[in-house]
Amino acid sequence: MATLAVTAPALLRVDPRAVPAAVWWGLAYIVLIPTAVNYVLNAWALRRSSPALVAAYTTLQPVIAALLAIVFLGETPGVREIAGFLLIASGLATINGWLRRVTAPLARSS
């Protein structure tokens, strides 16, 4: 919302007919693929898993974005990217271990 507030004056001055078709296609892609598909996949995962586990796995989004940038844009991962991946992976491993310990007694009692 803050971004819209800051960009609103410039957006109001844009002539939509002057915007190239490639920009409109890019905007449509951003709305449909990363946004809508992500919400659908999160809803699907929430029906099949715990909210805590689904929330933990949303931290994989930067990892996936980095991998796509390497594959499609030729980016080269540096120390920060590798450190970020290791932190995300260790956080997921910690959450998975914690969830197994917490839910195991519940599964045995039912």
PDB file of N, CA and C in Angstrom:
ATOM      1  N   MET A   1       0.815  -1.180   0.000  1.00  0.00           N
ATOM      2  CA  MET A   1       0.000   0.000   0.000  1.00  0.00           C
ATOM      3  C   MET A   1       0.868   1.257   0.000  1.00  0.00           C
ATOM      4  N   ALA A   2       1.980   1.199   0.754  1.00  0.00           N
ATOM      5  CA  ALA A   2       2.869   2.357   0.801  1.00  0.00           C
ATOM      6  C   ALA A   2       3.462   2.629  -0.573  1.00  0.00           C
ATOM      7  N   THR A   3       3.783   1.569  -1.304  1.00  0.00           N
ATOM      8  CA  THR A   3       4.340   1.752  -2.645  1.00  0.00           C
ATOM      9  C   THR A   3       3.340   2.455  -3.545  1.00  0.00           C
ATOM     10  N   LEU A   4       2.093   2.058  -3.456  1.00  0.00           N
ATOM     11  CA  LEU A   4       1.056   2.695  -4.270  1.00  0.00           C
ATOM     12  C   LEU A   4       0.910   4.174  -3.916  1.00  0.00           C
ATOM     13  N   ALA A   5       0.988   4.494  -2.639  1.00  0.00           N
ATOM     14  CA  ALA A   5       0.873   5.882  -2.210  1.00  0.00           C
ATOM     15  C   ALA A   5       2.010   6.735  -2.777  1.00  0.00           C
ATOM     16  N   VAL A   6       3.194   6.176  -2.815  1.00  0.00           N
ATOM     17  CA  VAL A   6       4.346   6.917  -3.312  1.00  0.00           C
ATOM     18  C   VAL A   6       4.317   7.034  -4.837  1.00  0.00           C
ATOM     19  N   THR A   7       3.844   5.989  -5.510  1.00  0.00           N
ATOM     20  CA  THR A   7       3.882   5.981  -6.976  1.00  0.00           C
ATOM     21  C   THR A   7       2.619   6.520  -7.630  1.00  0.00           C
ATOM     22  N   ALA A   8       1.567   6.744  -6.854  1.00  0.00           N
ATOM     23  CA  ALA A   8       0.284   7.192  -7.418  1.00  0.00           C
ATOM     24  C   ALA A   8       0.404   8.438  -8.303  1.00  0.00           C
ATOM     25  N   PRO A   9       1.127   9.494  -7.888  1.00  0.00           N
ATOM     26  CA  PRO A   9       1.206  10.669  -8.761  1.00  0.00           C
ATOM     27  C   PRO A   9       1.797  10.352 -10.144  1.00  0.00           C
ATOM     28  N   ALA A  10       2.832   9.535 -10.169  1.00  0.00           N
ATOM     29  CA  ALA A  10       3.439   9.174 -11.460  1.00  0.00           C
ATOM     30  C   ALA A  10       2.510   8.266 -12.257  1.00  0.00           C
ATOM     31  N   LEU A  11       1.832   7.337 -11.583  1.00  0.00           N
ATOM     32  CA  LEU A  11       0.919   6.432 -12.283  1.00  0.00           C
ATOM     33  C   LEU A  11      -0.249   7.182 -12.921  1.00  0.00           C
ATOM     34  N   LEU A  12      -0.713   8.215 -12.270  1.00  0.00           N
ATOM     35  CA  LEU A  12      -1.835   8.985 -12.806  1.00  0.00           C
ATOM     36  C   LEU A  12      -1.463   9.746 -14.080  1.00  0.00           C
ATOM     37  N   ARG A  13      -0.176   9.992 -14.267  1.00  0.00           N
ATOM     38  CA  ARG A  13       0.283  10.701 -15.462  1.00  0.00           C
ATOM     39  C   ARG A  13       0.601   9.766 -16.627  1.00  0.00           C
ATOM     40  N   VAL A  14       0.544   8.458 -16.419  1.00  0.00           N
ATOM     41  CA  VAL A  14       0.891   7.491 -17.470  1.00  0.00           C
ATOM     42  C   VAL A  14      -0.263   7.350 -18.456  1.00  0.00           C
ATOM     43  N   ASP A  15       0.076   7.400 -19.730  1.00  0.00           N
ATOM     44  CA  ASP A  15      -0.910   7.135 -20.779  1.00  0.00           C
ATOM     45  C   ASP A  15      -0.845   5.637 -21.084  1.00  0.00           C
ATOM     46  N   PRO A  16      -1.861   4.846 -20.722  1.00  0.00           N
ATOM     47  CA  PRO A  16      -1.810   3.394 -20.924  1.00  0.00           C
ATOM     48  C   PRO A  16      -1.540   2.986 -22.370  1.00  0.00           C
ATOM     49  N   ARG A  17      -1.973   3.811 -23.326  1.00  0.00           N
ATOM     50  CA  ARG A  17      -1.744   3.480 -24.735  1.00  0.00           C
ATOM     51  C   ARG A  17      -0.275   3.620 -25.123  1.00  0.00           C
ATOM     52  N   ALA A  18       0.474   4.391 -24.349  1.00  0.00           N
ATOM     53  CA  ALA A  18       1.894   4.601 -24.655  1.00  0.00           C
ATOM     54  C   ALA A  18       2.788   3.517 -24.057  1.00  0.00           C
ATOM     55  N   VAL A  19       2.214   2.692 -23.211  1.00  0.00           N
ATOM     56  CA  VAL A  19       2.994   1.622 -22.576  1.00  0.00           C
ATOM     57  C   VAL A  19       3.131   0.467 -23.565  1.00  0.00           C
ATOM     58  N   PRO A  20       4.371   0.013 -23.816  1.00  0.00           N
ATOM     59  CA  PRO A  20       4.571  -1.082 -24.771  1.00  0.00           C
ATOM     60  C   PRO A  20       3.881  -2.377 -24.326  1.00  0.00           C
ATOM     61  N   ALA A  21       3.495  -3.181 -25.303  1.00  0.00           N
ATOM     62  CA  ALA A  21       2.811  -4.452 -25.017  1.00  0.00           C
ATOM     63  C   ALA A  21       3.669  -5.349 -24.134  1.00  0.00           C
ATOM     64  N   ALA A  22       4.987  -5.325 -24.324  1.00  0.00           N
ATOM     65  CA  ALA A  22       5.869  -6.175 -23.506  1.00  0.00           C
ATOM     66  C   ALA A  22       5.748  -5.835 -22.023  1.00  0.00           C
ATOM     67  N   VAL A  23       5.526  -4.564 -21.707  1.00  0.00           N
ATOM     68  CA  VAL A  23       5.358  -4.152 -20.309  1.00  0.00           C
ATOM     69  C   VAL A  23       4.058  -4.706 -19.749  1.00  0.00           C
ATOM     70  N   TRP A  24       2.976  -4.646 -20.540  1.00  0.00           N
ATOM     71  CA  TRP A  24       1.695  -5.200 -20.087  1.00  0.00           C
ATOM     72  C   TRP A  24       1.795  -6.707 -19.881  1.00  0.00           C
ATOM     73  N   TRP A  25       2.486  -7.393 -20.807  1.00  0.00           N
ATOM     74  CA  TRP A  25       2.676  -8.841 -20.649  1.00  0.00           C
ATOM     75  C   TRP A  25       3.514  -9.146 -19.405  1.00  0.00           C
ATOM     76  N   GLY A  26       4.510  -8.340 -19.158  1.00  0.00           N
ATOM     77  CA  GLY A  26       5.329  -8.524 -17.958  1.00  0.00           C
ATOM     78  C   GLY A  26       4.521  -8.329 -16.690  1.00  0.00           C
ATOM     79  N   LEU A  27       3.669  -7.321 -16.694  1.00  0.00           N
ATOM     80  CA  LEU A  27       2.800  -7.071 -15.545  1.00  0.00           C
ATOM     81  C   LEU A  27       1.825  -8.239 -15.341  1.00  0.00           C
ATOM     82  N   ALA A  28       1.244  -8.717 -16.432  1.00  0.00           N
ATOM     83  CA  ALA A  28       0.325  -9.859 -16.339  1.00  0.00           C
ATOM     84  C   ALA A  28       1.049 -11.082 -15.776  1.00  0.00           C
ATOM     85  N   TYR A  29       2.271 -11.300 -16.221  1.00  0.00           N
ATOM     86  CA  TYR A  29       3.058 -12.435 -15.712  1.00  0.00           C
ATOM     87  C   TYR A  29       3.277 -12.297 -14.205  1.00  0.00           C
ATOM     88  N   ILE A  30       3.684 -11.107 -13.763  1.00  0.00           N
ATOM     89  CA  ILE A  30       3.950 -10.890 -12.336  1.00  0.00           C
ATOM     90  C   ILE A  30       2.695 -11.140 -11.502  1.00  0.00           C
ATOM     91  N   VAL A  31       1.551 -10.714 -12.007  1.00  0.00           N
ATOM     92  CA  VAL A  31       0.303 -10.904 -11.259  1.00  0.00           C
ATOM     93  C   VAL A  31      -0.107 -12.372 -11.254  1.00  0.00           C
ATOM     94  N   LEU A  32       0.004 -13.040 -12.397  1.00  0.00           N
ATOM     95  CA  LEU A  32      -0.499 -14.407 -12.502  1.00  0.00           C
ATOM     96  C   LEU A  32       0.439 -15.466 -11.932  1.00  0.00           C
ATOM     97  N   ILE A  33       1.678 -15.453 -12.336  1.00  0.00           N
ATOM     98  CA  ILE A  33       2.553 -16.564 -11.973  1.00  0.00           C
ATOM     99  C   ILE A  33       3.056 -16.462 -10.532  1.00  0.00           C
ATOM    100  N   PRO A  34       3.903 -15.492 -10.209  1.00  0.00           N
ATOM    101  CA  PRO A  34       4.435 -15.509  -8.841  1.00  0.00           C
ATOM    102  C   PRO A  34       3.384 -15.213  -7.776  1.00  0.00           C
ATOM    103  N   THR A  35       2.366 -14.435  -8.091  1.00  0.00           N
ATOM    104  CA  THR A  35       1.399 -14.042  -7.077  1.00  0.00           C
ATOM    105  C   THR A  35       0.259 -15.051  -6.958  1.00  0.00           C
ATOM    106  N   ALA A  36      -0.528 -15.215  -8.000  1.00  0.00           N
ATOM    107  CA  ALA A  36      -1.708 -16.086  -7.936  1.00  0.00           C
ATOM    108  C   ALA A  36      -1.323 -17.544  -7.725  1.00  0.00           C
ATOM    109  N   VAL A  37      -0.349 -18.023  -8.458  1.00  0.00           N
ATOM    110  CA  VAL A  37       0.062 -19.428  -8.310  1.00  0.00           C
ATOM    111  C   VAL A  37       0.592 -19.670  -6.900  1.00  0.00           C
ATOM    112  N   ASN A  38       1.317 -18.701  -6.357  1.00  0.00           N
ATOM    113  CA  ASN A  38       1.835 -18.844  -4.997  1.00  0.00           C
ATOM    114  C   ASN A  38       0.698 -18.984  -3.989  1.00  0.00           C
ATOM    115  N   TYR A  39      -0.345 -18.167  -4.113  1.00  0.00           N
ATOM    116  CA  TYR A  39      -1.480 -18.270  -3.188  1.00  0.00           C
ATOM    117  C   TYR A  39      -2.202 -19.608  -3.332  1.00  0.00           C
ATOM    118  N   VAL A  40      -2.368 -20.074  -4.555  1.00  0.00           N
ATOM    119  CA  VAL A  40      -3.014 -21.372  -4.774  1.00  0.00           C
ATOM    120  C   VAL A  40      -2.195 -22.492  -4.138  1.00  0.00           C
ATOM    121  N   LEU A  41      -0.893 -22.466  -4.358  1.00  0.00           N
ATOM    122  CA  LEU A  41      -0.034 -23.505  -3.772  1.00  0.00           C
ATOM    123  C   LEU A  41      -0.014 -23.434  -2.250  1.00  0.00           C
ATOM    124  N   ASN A  42      -0.017 -22.232  -1.684  1.00  0.00           N
ATOM    125  CA  ASN A  42      -0.069 -22.109  -0.227  1.00  0.00           C
ATOM    126  C   ASN A  42      -1.382 -22.644   0.325  1.00  0.00           C
ATOM    127  N   ALA A  43      -2.497 -22.356  -0.337  1.00  0.00           N
ATOM    128  CA  ALA A  43      -3.796 -22.875   0.114  1.00  0.00           C
ATOM    129  C   ALA A  43      -3.824 -24.396   0.031  1.00  0.00           C
ATOM    130  N   TRP A  44      -3.279 -24.933  -1.050  1.00  0.00           N
ATOM    131  CA  TRP A  44      -3.203 -26.389  -1.217  1.00  0.00           C
ATOM    132  C   TRP A  44      -2.379 -27.009  -0.087  1.00  0.00           C
ATOM    133  N   ALA A  45      -1.235 -26.408   0.209  1.00  0.00           N
ATOM    134  CA  ALA A  45      -0.364 -26.933   1.263  1.00  0.00           C
ATOM    135  C   ALA A  45      -1.017 -26.814   2.635  1.00  0.00           C
ATOM    136  N   LEU A  46      -1.748 -25.728   2.877  1.00  0.00           N
ATOM    137  CA  LEU A  46      -2.403 -25.559   4.175  1.00  0.00           C
ATOM    138  C   LEU A  46      -3.458 -26.635   4.424  1.00  0.00           C
ATOM    139  N   ARG A  47      -4.103 -27.112   3.357  1.00  0.00           N
ATOM    140  CA  ARG A  47      -5.100 -28.177   3.529  1.00  0.00           C
ATOM    141  C   ARG A  47      -4.447 -29.510   3.865  1.00  0.00           C
ATOM    142  N   ARG A  48      -3.182 -29.671   3.552  1.00  0.00           N
ATOM    143  CA  ARG A  48      -2.516 -30.955   3.715  1.00  0.00           C
ATOM    144  C   ARG A  48      -1.445 -30.972   4.800  1.00  0.00           C
ATOM    145  N   SER A  49      -1.214 -29.835   5.450  1.00  0.00           N
ATOM    146  CA  SER A  49      -0.141 -29.753   6.426  1.00  0.00           C
ATOM    147  C   SER A  49      -0.505 -28.749   7.507  1.00  0.00           C
ATOM    148  N   SER A  50       0.433 -28.516   8.397  1.00  0.00           N
ATOM    149  CA  SER A  50       0.176 -27.547   9.466  1.00  0.00           C
ATOM    150  C   SER A  50       0.540 -26.140   8.992  1.00  0.00           C
ATOM    151  N   PRO A  51      -0.150 -25.132   9.512  1.00  0.00           N
ATOM    152  CA  PRO A  51       0.173 -23.752   9.143  1.00  0.00           C
ATOM    153  C   PRO A  51       1.621 -23.384   9.474  1.00  0.00           C
ATOM    154  N   ALA A  52       2.149 -23.914  10.578  1.00  0.00           N
ATOM    155  CA  ALA A  52       3.539 -23.606  10.955  1.00  0.00           C
ATOM    156  C   ALA A  52       4.518 -24.127   9.911  1.00  0.00           C
ATOM    157  N   LEU A  53       4.277 -25.320   9.416  1.00  0.00           N
ATOM    158  CA  LEU A  53       5.176 -25.892   8.413  1.00  0.00           C
ATOM    159  C   LEU A  53       5.080 -25.127   7.095  1.00  0.00           C
ATOM    160  N   VAL A  54       3.872 -24.775   6.688  1.00  0.00           N
ATOM    161  CA  VAL A  54       3.693 -24.015   5.448  1.00  0.00           C
ATOM    162  C   VAL A  54       4.375 -22.654   5.567  1.00  0.00           C
ATOM    163  N   ALA A  55       4.200 -21.996   6.707  1.00  0.00           N
ATOM    164  CA  ALA A  55       4.837 -20.689   6.913  1.00  0.00           C
ATOM    165  C   ALA A  55       6.355 -20.818   6.872  1.00  0.00           C
ATOM    166  N   ALA A  56       6.876 -21.882   7.433  1.00  0.00           N
ATOM    167  CA  ALA A  56       8.328 -22.085   7.422  1.00  0.00           C
ATOM    168  C   ALA A  56       8.836 -22.252   5.990  1.00  0.00           C
ATOM    169  N   TYR A  57       8.096 -22.971   5.177  1.00  0.00           N
ATOM    170  CA  TYR A  57       8.550 -23.220   3.807  1.00  0.00           C
ATOM    171  C   TYR A  57       8.403 -22.003   2.893  1.00  0.00           C
ATOM    172  N   THR A  58       7.662 -20.979   3.309  1.00  0.00           N
ATOM    173  CA  THR A  58       7.617 -19.769   2.487  1.00  0.00           C
ATOM    174  C   THR A  58       8.978 -19.084   2.463  1.00  0.00           C
ATOM    175  N   THR A  59       9.833 -19.433   3.408  1.00  0.00           N
ATOM    176  CA  THR A  59      11.187 -18.873   3.393  1.00  0.00           C
ATOM    177  C   THR A  59      12.000 -19.403   2.218  1.00  0.00           C
ATOM    178  N   LEU A  60      11.499 -20.407   1.519  1.00  0.00           N
ATOM    179  CA  LEU A  60      12.198 -20.921   0.336  1.00  0.00           C
ATOM    180  C   LEU A  60      12.038 -20.019  -0.879  1.00  0.00           C
ATOM    181  N   GLN A  61      11.124 -19.061  -0.825  1.00  0.00           N
ATOM    182  CA  GLN A  61      10.901 -18.194  -1.976  1.00  0.00           C
ATOM    183  C   GLN A  61      12.162 -17.462  -2.428  1.00  0.00           C
ATOM    184  N   PRO A  62      12.983 -16.898  -1.513  1.00  0.00           N
ATOM    185  CA  PRO A  62      14.214 -16.265  -1.985  1.00  0.00           C
ATOM    186  C   PRO A  62      15.194 -17.269  -2.598  1.00  0.00           C
ATOM    187  N   VAL A  63      15.198 -18.486  -2.081  1.00  0.00           N
ATOM    188  CA  VAL A  63      16.086 -19.513  -2.636  1.00  0.00           C
ATOM    189  C   VAL A  63      15.662 -19.834  -4.068  1.00  0.00           C
ATOM    190  N   ILE A  64      14.368 -20.000  -4.273  1.00  0.00           N
ATOM    191  CA  ILE A  64      13.860 -20.296  -5.612  1.00  0.00           C
ATOM    192  C   ILE A  64      14.135 -19.124  -6.550  1.00  0.00           C
ATOM    193  N   ALA A  65      13.934 -17.902  -6.070  1.00  0.00           N
ATOM    194  CA  ALA A  65      14.216 -16.724  -6.896  1.00  0.00           C
ATOM    195  C   ALA A  65      15.688 -16.666  -7.283  1.00  0.00           C
ATOM    196  N   ALA A  66      16.567 -16.988  -6.347  1.00  0.00           N
ATOM    197  CA  ALA A  66      18.006 -16.991  -6.641  1.00  0.00           C
ATOM    198  C   ALA A  66      18.353 -18.068  -7.667  1.00  0.00           C
ATOM    199  N   LEU A  67      17.749 -19.247  -7.522  1.00  0.00           N
ATOM    200  CA  LEU A  67      18.012 -20.322  -8.491  1.00  0.00           C
ATOM    201  C   LEU A  67      17.527 -19.940  -9.887  1.00  0.00           C
ATOM    202  N   LEU A  68      16.352 -19.324  -9.960  1.00  0.00           N
ATOM    203  CA  LEU A  68      15.841 -18.876 -11.258  1.00  0.00           C
ATOM    204  C   LEU A  68      16.737 -17.796 -11.861  1.00  0.00           C
ATOM    205  N   ALA A  69      17.270 -16.917 -11.021  1.00  0.00           N
ATOM    206  CA  ALA A  69      18.176 -15.871 -11.515  1.00  0.00           C
ATOM    207  C   ALA A  69      19.471 -16.483 -12.040  1.00  0.00           C
ATOM    208  N   ILE A  70      19.940 -17.534 -11.405  1.00  0.00           N
ATOM    209  CA  ILE A  70      21.153 -18.220 -11.873  1.00  0.00           C
ATOM    210  C   ILE A  70      20.885 -18.876 -13.221  1.00  0.00           C
ATOM    211  N   VAL A  71      19.750 -19.577 -13.323  1.00  0.00           N
ATOM    212  CA  VAL A  71      19.431 -20.312 -14.537  1.00  0.00           C
ATOM    213  C   VAL A  71      19.101 -19.384 -15.704  1.00  0.00           C
ATOM    214  N   PHE A  72      18.214 -18.409 -15.471  1.00  0.00           N
ATOM    215  CA  PHE A  72      17.705 -17.608 -16.578  1.00  0.00           C
ATOM    216  C   PHE A  72      18.458 -16.301 -16.822  1.00  0.00           C
ATOM    217  N   LEU A  73      19.086 -15.764 -15.793  1.00  0.00           N
ATOM    218  CA  LEU A  73      19.748 -14.466 -15.948  1.00  0.00           C
ATOM    219  C   LEU A  73      21.269 -14.564 -15.902  1.00  0.00           C
ATOM    220  N   GLY A  74      21.778 -15.772 -15.644  1.00  0.00           N
ATOM    221  CA  GLY A  74      23.220 -15.944 -15.594  1.00  0.00           C
ATOM    222  C   GLY A  74      23.869 -15.351 -14.358  1.00  0.00           C
ATOM    223  N   GLU A  75      23.092 -15.136 -13.302  1.00  0.00           N
ATOM    224  CA  GLU A  75      23.648 -14.589 -12.058  1.00  0.00           C
ATOM    225  C   GLU A  75      24.645 -15.569 -11.458  1.00  0.00           C
ATOM    226  N   THR A  76      25.596 -15.046 -10.731  1.00  0.00           N
ATOM    227  CA  THR A  76      26.582 -15.877 -10.052  1.00  0.00           C
ATOM    228  C   THR A  76      26.377 -15.727  -8.548  1.00  0.00           C
ATOM    229  N   PRO A  77      26.113 -16.841  -7.846  1.00  0.00           N
ATOM    230  CA  PRO A  77      25.911 -16.729  -6.402  1.00  0.00           C
ATOM    231  C   PRO A  77      27.216 -16.359  -5.703  1.00  0.00           C
ATOM    232  N   GLY A  78      27.095 -15.488  -4.721  1.00  0.00           N
ATOM    233  CA  GLY A  78      28.245 -15.072  -3.931  1.00  0.00           C
ATOM    234  C   GLY A  78      28.142 -15.595  -2.514  1.00  0.00           C
ATOM    235  N   VAL A  79      28.994 -15.089  -1.677  1.00  0.00           N
ATOM    236  CA  VAL A  79      29.040 -15.527  -0.279  1.00  0.00           C
ATOM    237  C   VAL A  79      27.722 -15.216   0.429  1.00  0.00           C
ATOM    238  N   ARG A  80      27.144 -14.041   0.168  1.00  0.00           N
ATOM    239  CA  ARG A  80      25.877 -13.686   0.835  1.00  0.00           C
ATOM    240  C   ARG A  80      24.754 -14.636   0.451  1.00  0.00           C
ATOM    241  N   GLU A  81      24.668 -14.993  -0.816  1.00  0.00           N
ATOM    242  CA  GLU A  81      23.608 -15.903  -1.267  1.00  0.00           C
ATOM    243  C   GLU A  81      23.785 -17.289  -0.650  1.00  0.00           C
ATOM    244  N   ILE A  82      25.003 -17.751  -0.615  1.00  0.00           N
ATOM    245  CA  ILE A  82      25.270 -19.074  -0.029  1.00  0.00           C
ATOM    246  C   ILE A  82      24.986 -19.051   1.470  1.00  0.00           C
ATOM    247  N   ALA A  83      25.391 -17.992   2.148  1.00  0.00           N
ATOM    248  CA  ALA A  83      25.109 -17.874   3.583  1.00  0.00           C
ATOM    249  C   ALA A  83      23.599 -17.813   3.825  1.00  0.00           C
ATOM    250  N   GLY A  84      22.887 -17.064   2.993  1.00  0.00           N
ATOM    251  CA  GLY A  84      21.434 -16.991   3.125  1.00  0.00           C
ATOM    252  C   GLY A  84      20.780 -18.346   2.942  1.00  0.00           C
ATOM    253  N   PHE A  85      21.240 -19.085   1.917  1.00  0.00           N
ATOM    254  CA  PHE A  85      20.695 -20.426   1.699  1.00  0.00           C
ATOM    255  C   PHE A  85      20.947 -21.318   2.914  1.00  0.00           C
ATOM    256  N   LEU A  86      22.159 -21.274   3.455  1.00  0.00           N
ATOM    257  CA  LEU A  86      22.483 -22.112   4.615  1.00  0.00           C
ATOM    258  C   LEU A  86      21.630 -21.743   5.829  1.00  0.00           C
ATOM    259  N   LEU A  87      21.387 -20.454   6.021  1.00  0.00           N
ATOM    260  CA  LEU A  87      20.536 -20.030   7.135  1.00  0.00           C
ATOM    261  C   LEU A  87      19.098 -20.503   6.941  1.00  0.00           C
ATOM    262  N   ILE A  88      18.582 -20.379   5.722  1.00  0.00           N
ATOM    263  CA  ILE A  88      17.224 -20.837   5.443  1.00  0.00           C
ATOM    264  C   ILE A  88      17.120 -22.344   5.629  1.00  0.00           C
ATOM    265  N   ALA A  89      18.082 -23.093   5.095  1.00  0.00           N
ATOM    266  CA  ALA A  89      18.057 -24.556   5.211  1.00  0.00           C
ATOM    267  C   ALA A  89      18.147 -24.988   6.671  1.00  0.00           C
ATOM    268  N   SER A  90      18.996 -24.336   7.445  1.00  0.00           N
ATOM    269  CA  SER A  90      19.109 -24.722   8.857  1.00  0.00           C
ATOM    270  C   SER A  90      17.834 -24.361   9.624  1.00  0.00           C
ATOM    271  N   GLY A  91      17.204 -23.243   9.277  1.00  0.00           N
ATOM    272  CA  GLY A  91      15.930 -22.888   9.910  1.00  0.00           C
ATOM    273  C   GLY A  91      14.843 -23.894   9.603  1.00  0.00           C
ATOM    274  N   LEU A  92      14.776 -24.328   8.334  1.00  0.00           N
ATOM    275  CA  LEU A  92      13.777 -25.344   7.966  1.00  0.00           C
ATOM    276  C   LEU A  92      14.040 -26.668   8.667  1.00  0.00           C
ATOM    277  N   ALA A  93      15.301 -27.052   8.760  1.00  0.00           N
ATOM    278  CA  ALA A  93      15.640 -28.299   9.458  1.00  0.00           C
ATOM    279  C   ALA A  93      15.243 -28.203  10.929  1.00  0.00           C
ATOM    280  N   THR A  94      15.479 -27.057  11.533  1.00  0.00           N
ATOM    281  CA  THR A  94      15.107 -26.858  12.940  1.00  0.00           C
ATOM    282  C   THR A  94      13.596 -26.942  13.117  1.00  0.00           C
ATOM    283  N   ILE A  95      12.840 -26.256  12.262  1.00  0.00           N
ATOM    284  CA  ILE A  95      11.373 -26.272  12.352  1.00  0.00           C
ATOM    285  C   ILE A  95      10.835 -27.683  12.131  1.00  0.00           C
ATOM    286  N   ASN A  96      11.364 -28.384  11.119  1.00  0.00           N
ATOM    287  CA  ASN A  96      10.906 -29.754  10.866  1.00  0.00           C
ATOM    288  C   ASN A  96      11.153 -30.652  12.059  1.00  0.00           C
ATOM    289  N   GLY A  97      12.333 -30.550  12.650  1.00  0.00           N
ATOM    290  CA  GLY A  97      12.639 -31.362  13.833  1.00  0.00           C
ATOM    291  C   GLY A  97      11.729 -31.016  14.991  1.00  0.00           C
ATOM    292  N   TRP A  98      11.488 -29.725  15.199  1.00  0.00           N
ATOM    293  CA  TRP A  98      10.620 -29.284  16.281  1.00  0.00           C
ATOM    294  C   TRP A  98       9.194 -29.777  16.060  1.00  0.00           C
ATOM    295  N   LEU A  99       8.684 -29.663  14.827  1.00  0.00           N
ATOM    296  CA  LEU A  99       7.320 -30.112  14.547  1.00  0.00           C
ATOM    297  C   LEU A  99       7.175 -31.614  14.752  1.00  0.00           C
ATOM    298  N   ARG A 100       8.189 -32.371  14.363  1.00  0.00           N
ATOM    299  CA  ARG A 100       8.123 -33.831  14.579  1.00  0.00           C
ATOM    300  C   ARG A 100       8.054 -34.162  16.068  1.00  0.00           C
ATOM    301  N   ARG A 101       8.862 -33.455  16.872  1.00  0.00           N
ATOM    302  CA  ARG A 101       8.857 -33.717  18.315  1.00  0.00           C
ATOM    303  C   ARG A 101       7.534 -33.302  18.951  1.00  0.00           C
ATOM    304  N   VAL A 102       6.948 -32.212  18.480  1.00  0.00           N
ATOM    305  CA  VAL A 102       5.699 -31.722  19.063  1.00  0.00           C
ATOM    306  C   VAL A 102       4.519 -32.580  18.635  1.00  0.00           C
ATOM    307  N   THR A 103       4.470 -32.977  17.368  1.00  0.00           N
ATOM    308  CA  THR A 103       3.304 -33.710  16.876  1.00  0.00           C
ATOM    309  C   THR A 103       3.397 -35.207  17.117  1.00  0.00           C
ATOM    310  N   ALA A 104       4.564 -35.746  17.372  1.00  0.00           N
ATOM    311  CA  ALA A 104       4.688 -37.196  17.603  1.00  0.00           C
ATOM    312  C   ALA A 104       3.861 -37.666  18.793  1.00  0.00           C
ATOM    313  N   PRO A 105       3.894 -36.990  19.947  1.00  0.00           N
ATOM    314  CA  PRO A 105       3.035 -37.433  21.069  1.00  0.00           C
ATOM    315  C   PRO A 105       1.550 -37.342  20.722  1.00  0.00           C
ATOM    316  N   LEU A 106       1.156 -36.363  19.946  1.00  0.00           N
ATOM    317  CA  LEU A 106      -0.259 -36.238  19.559  1.00  0.00           C
ATOM    318  C   LEU A 106      -0.686 -37.388  18.671  1.00  0.00           C
ATOM    319  N   ALA A 107       0.181 -37.796  17.753  1.00  0.00           N
ATOM    320  CA  ALA A 107      -0.147 -38.886  16.835  1.00  0.00           C
ATOM    321  C   ALA A 107      -0.263 -40.204  17.597  1.00  0.00           C
ATOM    322  N   ARG A 108       0.589 -40.412  18.594  1.00  0.00           N
ATOM    323  CA  ARG A 108       0.537 -41.659  19.368  1.00  0.00           C
ATOM    324  C   ARG A 108      -0.692 -41.744  20.258  1.00  0.00           C
ATOM    325  N   SER A 109      -1.187 -40.584  20.729  1.00  0.00           N
ATOM    326  CA  SER A 109      -2.313 -40.604  21.661  1.00  0.00           C
ATOM    327  C   SER A 109      -3.663 -40.773  20.967  1.00  0.00           C
ATOM    328  N   SER A 110      -3.722 -40.560  19.639  1.00  0.00           N
ATOM    329  CA  SER A 110      -5.017 -40.668  18.976  1.00  0.00           C
ATOM    330  C   SER A 110      -5.244 -41.998  18.357  1.00  0.00           C
TER     331      SER A 110
END
